[in-house]
């Protein structure tokens, strides 16, 4: 079990989020409060997350260099689990996603209403590094980025949302939004933007759940 939740026995900041099953996939996007969501829902549901909360992210952390079938088999060995999945981590593959769903008894959807803030957060996260620093003392980072790199990060978020839209139509489930949480605990990171970038208007709620 992750050290983030192993010794936590306080009350959850999200007590109303109660899962229906025991094998939970949180289909989400970057900078949507997913780390906060996983930690707080553990305190409510007492279902231990997978060792790496982004279980199918095989680019870094505990699952670096592990292939999809290996990671899928790890789910098969657990009677209860929670993990978060960003669609790009499986290459937007419907066949891989369908295999994941076979191991889950519930999918919940987590998104962020403020796309402008989400995009700036994801761009800054990618260009500043120091990804181990999430909580604790606040750190400030200077952000200077080209529009090209910004567009790549923005496109990744939008592509993930479009996958989520299709997934939701095929298998509806409970939907949660970061801005609806009564309390939010962001990462202890402050960004000092050195230049302006253009972020398109993207109505996440309308694009995902109303169109």
Protein backbone atom coordinates (compact mmCIF):
# COMPACT_ATOMS: atom_id res chain seq x y z
CA UNK A 1 0.00 0.00 0.00
CA UNK A 2 1.26 3.49 -0.78
CA UNK A 3 2.82 5.43 2.07
CA UNK A 4 0.40 8.24 1.19
CA UNK A 5 -2.49 6.27 2.69
CA UNK A 6 -0.94 3.52 4.81
CA UNK A 7 -1.06 5.35 8.12
CA UNK A 8 -4.01 7.65 7.47
CA UNK A 9 -6.88 7.18 9.94
CA UNK A 10 -8.37 10.66 10.01
CA UNK A 11 -11.80 11.51 8.58
CA UNK A 12 -12.02 11.82 4.82
CA UNK A 13 -12.44 15.22 3.18
CA UNK A 14 -14.72 13.47 0.64
CA UNK A 15 -17.01 11.39 2.88
CA UNK A 16 -19.87 11.38 0.35
CA UNK A 17 -17.86 9.52 -2.31
CA UNK A 18 -18.73 5.89 -1.68
CA UNK A 19 -17.88 3.28 -4.27
CA UNK A 20 -20.37 0.61 -5.25
CA UNK A 21 -17.77 -2.05 -5.97
CA UNK A 22 -14.38 -3.20 -4.74
CA UNK A 23 -12.38 -3.08 -7.98
CA UNK A 24 -12.40 0.55 -9.06
CA UNK A 25 -11.05 2.36 -12.10
CA UNK A 26 -10.98 6.16 -11.87
CA UNK A 27 -10.97 7.33 -15.48
CA UNK A 28 -9.58 10.83 -15.38
CA UNK A 29 -7.20 13.42 -16.80
CA UNK A 30 -4.08 15.20 -15.65
CA UNK A 31 -4.36 18.03 -13.11
CA UNK A 32 -7.91 17.08 -12.15
CA UNK A 33 -7.32 16.46 -8.45
CA UNK A 34 -6.91 12.71 -8.90
CA UNK A 35 -4.19 12.28 -6.26
CA UNK A 36 -6.37 14.09 -3.73
CA UNK A 37 -9.38 12.01 -4.85
CA UNK A 38 -7.59 8.67 -4.46
CA UNK A 39 -6.23 9.55 -1.02
CA UNK A 40 -9.50 10.87 0.37
CA UNK A 41 -11.70 8.10 -1.04
CA UNK A 42 -9.39 5.55 0.58
CA UNK A 43 -10.26 7.10 3.94
CA UNK A 44 -13.96 6.67 3.14
CA UNK A 45 -13.97 3.27 1.41
CA UNK A 46 -10.84 1.59 2.81
CA UNK A 47 -9.98 0.06 -0.55
CA UNK A 48 -6.22 0.12 -0.99
CA UNK A 49 -4.90 1.66 -4.22
CA UNK A 50 -2.51 -0.18 -6.46
CA UNK A 51 1.15 0.44 -5.56
CA UNK A 52 1.44 3.00 -8.33
CA UNK A 53 -1.82 4.91 -8.39
CA UNK A 54 -1.41 5.52 -12.15
CA UNK A 55 -1.21 1.77 -12.56
CA UNK A 56 -0.93 1.69 -16.36
CA UNK A 57 1.58 4.50 -16.60
CA UNK A 58 4.66 2.46 -17.54
CA UNK A 59 6.86 5.47 -18.33
CA UNK A 60 8.14 6.03 -14.80
CA UNK A 61 7.71 5.24 -11.11
CA UNK A 62 7.14 1.66 -9.91
CA UNK A 63 5.78 0.45 -13.25
CA UNK A 64 8.60 1.70 -15.46
CA UNK A 65 9.30 -0.73 -18.32
CA UNK A 66 6.45 -3.09 -17.33
CA UNK A 67 4.22 -3.98 -20.26
CA UNK A 68 0.44 -3.84 -20.44
CA UNK A 69 -0.18 -7.56 -19.96
CA UNK A 70 2.00 -7.65 -16.85
CA UNK A 71 0.14 -4.70 -15.34
CA UNK A 72 -3.24 -6.21 -16.28
CA UNK A 73 -2.29 -9.46 -14.59
CA UNK A 74 -1.55 -7.56 -11.39
CA UNK A 75 -5.19 -6.44 -11.33
CA UNK A 76 -6.32 -10.04 -11.78
CA UNK A 77 -4.45 -10.97 -8.61
CA UNK A 78 -6.23 -8.43 -6.42
CA UNK A 79 -9.72 -8.86 -4.96
CA UNK A 80 -9.98 -5.12 -4.30
CA UNK A 81 -8.16 -2.13 -5.73
CA UNK A 82 -8.40 1.46 -6.87
CA UNK A 83 -6.28 3.05 -9.57
CA UNK A 84 -6.48 6.07 -11.82
CA UNK A 85 -6.22 5.82 -15.58
CA UNK A 86 -5.43 8.57 -18.05
CA UNK A 87 -6.37 7.33 -21.56
CA UNK A 88 -3.03 8.28 -23.14
CA UNK A 89 -1.33 5.78 -20.80
CA UNK A 90 -2.86 2.96 -22.87
CA UNK A 91 -2.40 4.78 -26.18
CA UNK A 92 -6.14 5.54 -26.40
CA UNK A 93 -6.59 1.84 -27.17
CA UNK A 94 -10.20 0.67 -26.89
CA UNK A 95 -9.13 -2.98 -26.88
CA UNK A 96 -6.82 -2.41 -23.91
CA UNK A 97 -9.48 -0.40 -22.13
CA UNK A 98 -12.03 -3.20 -22.66
CA UNK A 99 -9.59 -5.67 -21.08
CA UNK A 100 -9.19 -3.36 -18.09
CA UNK A 101 -12.96 -3.08 -17.72
CA UNK A 102 -13.24 -6.87 -17.50
CA UNK A 103 -11.26 -6.68 -14.25
CA UNK A 104 -13.26 -3.80 -12.75
CA UNK A 105 -16.71 -3.75 -11.23
CA UNK A 106 -16.98 0.04 -11.26
CA UNK A 107 -15.67 2.95 -13.31
CA UNK A 108 -15.97 6.48 -11.94
CA UNK A 109 -15.18 9.63 -13.90
CA UNK A 110 -13.20 12.57 -12.55
CA UNK A 111 -12.73 15.79 -14.49
CA UNK A 112 -12.02 19.49 -14.02
CA UNK A 113 -14.41 22.24 -15.04
CA UNK A 114 -11.77 24.99 -15.30
CA UNK A 115 -9.90 23.90 -18.42
CA UNK A 116 -7.76 27.05 -18.52
CA UNK A 117 -6.34 26.31 -15.06
CA UNK A 118 -6.00 22.62 -15.85
CA UNK A 119 -4.05 23.28 -19.06
CA UNK A 120 -1.70 25.77 -17.39
CA UNK A 121 -1.11 23.33 -14.55
CA UNK A 122 -0.31 20.47 -16.93
CA UNK A 123 2.01 22.60 -19.06
CA UNK A 124 3.86 23.85 -15.98
CA UNK A 125 4.15 20.34 -14.53
CA UNK A 126 5.76 19.08 -17.74
CA UNK A 127 8.29 21.86 -18.21
CA UNK A 128 9.42 22.46 -14.60
CA UNK A 129 10.31 18.90 -13.59
CA UNK A 130 10.93 18.06 -9.92
CA UNK A 131 7.92 15.75 -10.04
CA UNK A 132 8.67 14.18 -6.68
CA UNK A 133 7.71 17.44 -4.96
CA UNK A 134 3.94 17.38 -4.46
CA UNK A 135 3.16 18.22 -0.84
CA UNK A 136 5.00 19.83 2.05
CA UNK A 137 6.75 23.18 1.86
CA UNK A 138 5.73 25.34 -1.07
CA UNK A 139 8.22 25.63 -3.92
CA UNK A 140 8.16 28.22 -6.69
CA UNK A 141 9.05 27.44 -10.29
CA UNK A 142 9.63 29.71 -13.26
CA UNK A 143 7.69 28.67 -16.35
CA UNK A 144 8.87 29.70 -19.80
CA UNK A 145 7.40 27.66 -22.63
CA UNK A 146 6.88 27.87 -26.38
CA UNK A 147 3.39 27.78 -27.84
CA UNK A 148 4.33 24.54 -29.63
CA UNK A 149 5.08 22.72 -26.38
CA UNK A 150 2.01 24.26 -24.76
CA UNK A 151 -0.15 23.01 -27.64
CA UNK A 152 1.21 19.48 -27.24
CA UNK A 153 0.18 19.43 -23.58
CA UNK A 154 -3.23 20.94 -24.38
CA UNK A 155 -3.86 18.41 -27.16
CA UNK A 156 -3.04 15.59 -24.74
CA UNK A 157 -5.67 16.82 -22.28
CA UNK A 158 -8.31 17.23 -24.99
CA UNK A 159 -7.58 13.79 -26.46
CA UNK A 160 -7.95 12.25 -23.02
CA UNK A 161 -11.28 13.99 -22.55
CA UNK A 162 -12.55 12.79 -25.92
CA UNK A 163 -11.70 9.23 -24.95
CA UNK A 164 -13.49 9.73 -21.64
CA UNK A 165 -16.56 11.00 -23.49
CA UNK A 166 -16.80 7.81 -25.56
CA UNK A 167 -16.10 5.64 -22.52
CA UNK A 168 -18.85 7.35 -20.54
CA UNK A 169 -21.41 6.84 -23.31
CA UNK A 170 -20.62 3.14 -23.44
CA UNK A 171 -20.46 2.63 -19.67
CA UNK A 172 -22.00 5.46 -17.62
CA UNK A 173 -20.95 5.83 -14.02
CA UNK A 174 -20.68 8.32 -11.21
CA UNK A 175 -19.10 11.61 -12.28
CA UNK A 176 -17.05 13.84 -9.98
CA UNK A 177 -15.63 17.29 -10.64
CA UNK A 178 -12.70 18.89 -8.84
CA UNK A 179 -14.46 22.23 -8.48
CA UNK A 180 -17.36 20.56 -6.65
CA UNK A 181 -15.19 19.25 -3.83
CA UNK A 182 -15.91 21.28 -0.66
CA UNK A 183 -12.21 21.21 0.21
CA UNK A 184 -9.30 20.99 -2.21
CA UNK A 185 -5.66 20.35 -1.38
CA UNK A 186 -3.49 21.28 -4.38
CA UNK A 187 0.16 20.40 -4.79
CA UNK A 188 2.56 22.69 -2.93
CA UNK A 189 3.88 24.19 -6.16
CA UNK A 190 3.71 27.85 -7.22
CA UNK A 191 4.33 28.80 -10.86
CA UNK A 192 5.77 32.10 -12.06
CA UNK A 193 4.86 32.41 -15.74
CA UNK A 194 7.52 34.14 -17.81
CA UNK A 195 5.49 34.50 -21.02
CA UNK A 196 1.93 34.36 -22.31
CA UNK A 197 0.43 31.36 -24.09
CA UNK A 198 -2.88 30.79 -25.86
CA UNK A 199 -5.24 28.20 -24.38
CA UNK A 200 -8.42 27.43 -26.33
CA UNK A 201 -11.86 27.59 -24.78
CA UNK A 202 -12.89 24.02 -24.00
CA UNK A 203 -16.06 23.41 -22.03
CA UNK A 204 -15.20 20.13 -20.35
CA UNK A 205 -18.64 19.46 -18.85
CA UNK A 206 -20.44 20.12 -22.13
CA UNK A 207 -17.92 18.19 -24.22
CA UNK A 208 -17.93 15.15 -21.94
CA UNK A 209 -21.45 14.78 -20.66
CA UNK A 210 -23.87 16.95 -22.64
CA UNK A 211 -23.01 16.55 -26.30
